Amino acid sequence: MVLSFVPLAFSRWFGDVPVFAVTSCGACLVDGVFVAVQRYNRPRLVRLLKGKG
């Protein structure tokens, strides 16, 4: 999620800071969804695998 903000370093060179800021925030939010899904499903999957193993 932190790496989503790396393009902000290039925003001055390209000259369109608001576009880079909006897309970086959007990418961070999209990445956050996948982190949350993985975070909350991992314990369930571990329990499921231990029950079958």
PDB file of N, CA and C in Angstrom:
ATOM      1  N   MET A   1       0.814  -1.184   0.000  1.00  0.00           N
ATOM      2  CA  MET A   1       0.000   0.000   0.000  1.00  0.00           C
ATOM      3  C   MET A   1       0.864   1.256   0.000  1.00  0.00           C
ATOM      4  N   VAL A   2       1.973   1.186   0.685  1.00  0.00           N
ATOM      5  CA  VAL A   2       2.863   2.351   0.744  1.00  0.00           C
ATOM      6  C   VAL A   2       3.440   2.656  -0.631  1.00  0.00           C
ATOM      7  N   LEU A   3       3.727   1.604  -1.384  1.00  0.00           N
ATOM      8  CA  LEU A   3       4.313   1.802  -2.711  1.00  0.00           C
ATOM      9  C   LEU A   3       3.332   2.431  -3.704  1.00  0.00           C
ATOM     10  N   SER A   4       2.069   2.491  -3.344  1.00  0.00           N
ATOM     11  CA  SER A   4       1.094   3.146  -4.206  1.00  0.00           C
ATOM     12  C   SER A   4       1.368   4.643  -4.329  1.00  0.00           C
ATOM     13  N   PHE A   5       2.092   5.190  -3.367  1.00  0.00           N
ATOM     14  CA  PHE A   5       2.362   6.624  -3.364  1.00  0.00           C
ATOM     15  C   PHE A   5       3.694   6.994  -4.018  1.00  0.00           C
ATOM     16  N   VAL A   6       4.425   6.028  -4.521  1.00  0.00           N
ATOM     17  CA  VAL A   6       5.693   6.302  -5.202  1.00  0.00           C
ATOM     18  C   VAL A   6       5.514   7.211  -6.423  1.00  0.00           C
ATOM     19  N   PRO A   7       4.446   7.050  -7.209  1.00  0.00           N
ATOM     20  CA  PRO A   7       4.290   7.942  -8.370  1.00  0.00           C
ATOM     21  C   PRO A   7       4.202   9.423  -8.008  1.00  0.00           C
ATOM     22  N   LEU A   8       3.894   9.743  -6.773  1.00  0.00           N
ATOM     23  CA  LEU A   8       3.857  11.152  -6.375  1.00  0.00           C
ATOM     24  C   LEU A   8       5.227  11.810  -6.512  1.00  0.00           C
ATOM     25  N   ALA A   9       6.275  11.011  -6.444  1.00  0.00           N
ATOM     26  CA  ALA A   9       7.625  11.547  -6.601  1.00  0.00           C
ATOM     27  C   ALA A   9       7.843  12.069  -8.018  1.00  0.00           C
ATOM     28  N   PHE A  10       7.113  11.527  -8.976  1.00  0.00           N
ATOM     29  CA  PHE A  10       7.261  11.940 -10.374  1.00  0.00           C
ATOM     30  C   PHE A  10       6.223  12.975 -10.799  1.00  0.00           C
ATOM     31  N   SER A  11       5.347  13.349  -9.904  1.00  0.00           N
ATOM     32  CA  SER A  11       4.255  14.238 -10.284  1.00  0.00           C
ATOM     33  C   SER A  11       4.742  15.626 -10.688  1.00  0.00           C
ATOM     34  N   ARG A  12       5.769  16.123 -10.085  1.00  0.00           N
ATOM     35  CA  ARG A  12       6.288  17.443 -10.477  1.00  0.00           C
ATOM     36  C   ARG A  12       6.941  17.393 -11.852  1.00  0.00           C
ATOM     37  N   TRP A  13       7.599  16.290 -12.163  1.00  0.00           N
ATOM     38  CA  TRP A  13       8.272  16.158 -13.447  1.00  0.00           C
ATOM     39  C   TRP A  13       7.265  16.144 -14.591  1.00  0.00           C
ATOM     40  N   PHE A  14       6.132  15.475 -14.366  1.00  0.00           N
ATOM     41  CA  PHE A  14       5.088  15.431 -15.388  1.00  0.00           C
ATOM     42  C   PHE A  14       4.156  16.643 -15.310  1.00  0.00           C
ATOM     43  N   GLY A  15       4.110  17.296 -14.157  1.00  0.00           N
ATOM     44  CA  GLY A  15       3.375  18.535 -14.010  1.00  0.00           C
ATOM     45  C   GLY A  15       1.888  18.412 -13.747  1.00  0.00           C
ATOM     46  N   ASP A  16       1.407  17.273 -13.291  1.00  0.00           N
ATOM     47  CA  ASP A  16      -0.017  17.129 -13.020  1.00  0.00           C
ATOM     48  C   ASP A  16      -0.204  16.464 -11.656  1.00  0.00           C
ATOM     49  N   VAL A  17       0.057  17.210 -10.603  1.00  0.00           N
ATOM     50  CA  VAL A  17       0.058  16.678  -9.244  1.00  0.00           C
ATOM     51  C   VAL A  17      -1.311  16.123  -8.822  1.00  0.00           C
ATOM     52  N   PRO A  18      -2.425  16.821  -9.067  1.00  0.00           N
ATOM     53  CA  PRO A  18      -3.714  16.278  -8.599  1.00  0.00           C
ATOM     54  C   PRO A  18      -4.067  14.912  -9.202  1.00  0.00           C
ATOM     55  N   VAL A  19      -3.724  14.693 -10.447  1.00  0.00           N
ATOM     56  CA  VAL A  19      -4.022  13.396 -11.071  1.00  0.00           C
ATOM     57  C   VAL A  19      -3.219  12.297 -10.400  1.00  0.00           C
ATOM     58  N   PHE A  20      -1.962  12.557 -10.134  1.00  0.00           N
ATOM     59  CA  PHE A  20      -1.122  11.563  -9.463  1.00  0.00           C
ATOM     60  C   PHE A  20      -1.621  11.305  -8.045  1.00  0.00           C
ATOM     61  N   ALA A  21      -2.066  12.335  -7.355  1.00  0.00           N
ATOM     62  CA  ALA A  21      -2.554  12.173  -5.980  1.00  0.00           C
ATOM     63  C   ALA A  21      -3.830  11.326  -5.954  1.00  0.00           C
ATOM     64  N   VAL A  22      -4.746  11.597  -6.856  1.00  0.00           N
ATOM     65  CA  VAL A  22      -6.007  10.857  -6.883  1.00  0.00           C
ATOM     66  C   VAL A  22      -5.764   9.395  -7.253  1.00  0.00           C
ATOM     67  N   THR A  23      -4.951   9.143  -8.263  1.00  0.00           N
ATOM     68  CA  THR A  23      -4.702   7.756  -8.659  1.00  0.00           C
ATOM     69  C   THR A  23      -3.902   7.002  -7.596  1.00  0.00           C
ATOM     70  N   SER A  24      -3.010   7.678  -6.905  1.00  0.00           N
ATOM     71  CA  SER A  24      -2.252   7.020  -5.840  1.00  0.00           C
ATOM     72  C   SER A  24      -3.162   6.649  -4.673  1.00  0.00           C
ATOM     73  N   CYS A  25      -4.061   7.544  -4.304  1.00  0.00           N
ATOM     74  CA  CYS A  25      -5.009   7.235  -3.222  1.00  0.00           C
ATOM     75  C   CYS A  25      -5.946   6.102  -3.636  1.00  0.00           C
ATOM     76  N   GLY A  26      -6.399   6.129  -4.874  1.00  0.00           N
ATOM     77  CA  GLY A  26      -7.257   5.049  -5.367  1.00  0.00           C
ATOM     78  C   GLY A  26      -6.550   3.706  -5.356  1.00  0.00           C
ATOM     79  N   ALA A  27      -5.308   3.691  -5.793  1.00  0.00           N
ATOM     80  CA  ALA A  27      -4.536   2.440  -5.786  1.00  0.00           C
ATOM     81  C   ALA A  27      -4.320   1.935  -4.364  1.00  0.00           C
ATOM     82  N   CYS A  28      -4.093   2.845  -3.447  1.00  0.00           N
ATOM     83  CA  CYS A  28      -3.901   2.460  -2.044  1.00  0.00           C
ATOM     84  C   CYS A  28      -5.173   1.825  -1.481  1.00  0.00           C
ATOM     85  N   LEU A  29      -6.322   2.407  -1.803  1.00  0.00           N
ATOM     86  CA  LEU A  29      -7.589   1.845  -1.324  1.00  0.00           C
ATOM     87  C   LEU A  29      -7.858   0.469  -1.923  1.00  0.00           C
ATOM     88  N   VAL A  30      -7.579   0.299  -3.199  1.00  0.00           N
ATOM     89  CA  VAL A  30      -7.784  -1.004  -3.846  1.00  0.00           C
ATOM     90  C   VAL A  30      -6.848  -2.048  -3.234  1.00  0.00           C
ATOM     91  N   ASP A  31      -5.600  -1.675  -2.998  1.00  0.00           N
ATOM     92  CA  ASP A  31      -4.660  -2.598  -2.359  1.00  0.00           C
ATOM     93  C   ASP A  31      -5.105  -2.926  -0.939  1.00  0.00           C
ATOM     94  N   GLY A  32      -5.676  -1.955  -0.261  1.00  0.00           N
ATOM     95  CA  GLY A  32      -6.144  -2.167   1.110  1.00  0.00           C
ATOM     96  C   GLY A  32      -7.247  -3.202   1.198  1.00  0.00           C
ATOM     97  N   VAL A  33      -8.094  -3.264   0.184  1.00  0.00           N
ATOM     98  CA  VAL A  33      -9.162  -4.269   0.166  1.00  0.00           C
ATOM     99  C   VAL A  33      -8.560  -5.670   0.140  1.00  0.00           C
ATOM    100  N   PHE A  34      -7.562  -5.872  -0.696  1.00  0.00           N
ATOM    101  CA  PHE A  34      -6.939  -7.195  -0.774  1.00  0.00           C
ATOM    102  C   PHE A  34      -6.196  -7.551   0.510  1.00  0.00           C
ATOM    103  N   VAL A  35      -5.582  -6.577   1.148  1.00  0.00           N
ATOM    104  CA  VAL A  35      -4.901  -6.816   2.426  1.00  0.00           C
ATOM    105  C   VAL A  35      -5.913  -7.221   3.487  1.00  0.00           C
ATOM    106  N   ALA A  36      -7.049  -6.538   3.530  1.00  0.00           N
ATOM    107  CA  ALA A  36      -8.078  -6.865   4.522  1.00  0.00           C
ATOM    108  C   ALA A  36      -8.651  -8.259   4.291  1.00  0.00           C
ATOM    109  N   VAL A  37      -8.911  -8.613   3.055  1.00  0.00           N
ATOM    110  CA  VAL A  37      -9.457  -9.943   2.757  1.00  0.00           C
ATOM    111  C   VAL A  37      -8.471 -11.021   3.178  1.00  0.00           C
ATOM    112  N   GLN A  38      -7.203 -10.822   2.870  1.00  0.00           N
ATOM    113  CA  GLN A  38      -6.195 -11.815   3.249  1.00  0.00           C
ATOM    114  C   GLN A  38      -6.046 -11.882   4.761  1.00  0.00           C
ATOM    115  N   ARG A  39      -6.079 -10.751   5.410  1.00  0.00           N
ATOM    116  CA  ARG A  39      -5.880 -10.686   6.858  1.00  0.00           C
ATOM    117  C   ARG A  39      -6.967 -11.446   7.606  1.00  0.00           C
ATOM    118  N   TYR A  40      -8.217 -11.295   7.176  1.00  0.00           N
ATOM    119  CA  TYR A  40      -9.324 -11.886   7.913  1.00  0.00           C
ATOM    120  C   TYR A  40      -9.697 -13.287   7.442  1.00  0.00           C
ATOM    121  N   ASN A  41      -9.212 -13.719   6.300  1.00  0.00           N
ATOM    122  CA  ASN A  41      -9.504 -15.075   5.842  1.00  0.00           C
ATOM    123  C   ASN A  41      -8.412 -16.073   6.204  1.00  0.00           C
ATOM    124  N   ARG A  42      -7.211 -15.596   6.484  1.00  0.00           N
ATOM    125  CA  ARG A  42      -6.110 -16.511   6.778  1.00  0.00           C
ATOM    126  C   ARG A  42      -6.391 -17.414   7.980  1.00  0.00           C
ATOM    127  N   PRO A  43      -6.864 -16.892   9.126  1.00  0.00           N
ATOM    128  CA  PRO A  43      -7.125 -17.800  10.260  1.00  0.00           C
ATOM    129  C   PRO A  43      -8.169 -18.870   9.930  1.00  0.00           C
ATOM    130  N   ARG A  44      -9.181 -18.506   9.144  1.00  0.00           N
ATOM    131  CA  ARG A  44     -10.189 -19.487   8.738  1.00  0.00           C
ATOM    132  C   ARG A  44      -9.585 -20.585   7.879  1.00  0.00           C
ATOM    133  N   LEU A  45      -8.734 -20.207   6.950  1.00  0.00           N
ATOM    134  CA  LEU A  45      -8.109 -21.202   6.080  1.00  0.00           C
ATOM    135  C   LEU A  45      -7.157 -22.103   6.856  1.00  0.00           C
ATOM    136  N   VAL A  46      -6.437 -21.536   7.808  1.00  0.00           N
ATOM    137  CA  VAL A  46      -5.526 -22.347   8.630  1.00  0.00           C
ATOM    138  C   VAL A  46      -6.319 -23.371   9.435  1.00  0.00           C
ATOM    139  N   ARG A  47      -7.435 -22.946  10.029  1.00  0.00           N
ATOM    140  CA  ARG A  47      -8.270 -23.894  10.781  1.00  0.00           C
ATOM    141  C   ARG A  47      -8.838 -24.971   9.869  1.00  0.00           C
ATOM    142  N   LEU A  48      -9.240 -24.598   8.680  1.00  0.00           N
ATOM    143  CA  LEU A  48      -9.791 -25.571   7.733  1.00  0.00           C
ATOM    144  C   LEU A  48      -8.743 -26.601   7.346  1.00  0.00           C
ATOM    145  N   LEU A  49      -7.506 -26.143   7.078  1.00  0.00           N
ATOM    146  CA  LEU A  49      -6.451 -27.070   6.689  1.00  0.00           C
ATOM    147  C   LEU A  49      -6.019 -27.974   7.836  1.00  0.00           C
ATOM    148  N   LYS A  50      -6.003 -27.462   9.062  1.00  0.00           N
ATOM    149  CA  LYS A  50      -5.629 -28.290  10.201  1.00  0.00           C
ATOM    150  C   LYS A  50      -6.677 -29.365  10.470  1.00  0.00           C
ATOM    151  N   GLY A  51      -7.921 -29.059  10.199  1.00  0.00           N
ATOM    152  CA  GLY A  51      -8.998 -30.035  10.422  1.00  0.00           C
ATOM    153  C   GLY A  51      -8.926 -31.183   9.424  1.00  0.00           C
ATOM    154  N   LYS A  52      -8.468 -30.923   8.218  1.00  0.00           N
ATOM    155  CA  LYS A  52      -8.390 -31.968   7.190  1.00  0.00           C
ATOM    156  C   LYS A  52      -7.060 -32.710   7.227  1.00  0.00           C
ATOM    157  N   GLY A  53      -6.021 -32.089   7.803  1.00  0.00           N
ATOM    158  CA  GLY A  53      -4.693 -32.665   7.763  1.00  0.00           C
ATOM    159  C   GLY A  53      -4.501 -33.708   8.772  1.00  0.00           C
TER     160      GLY A  53
END
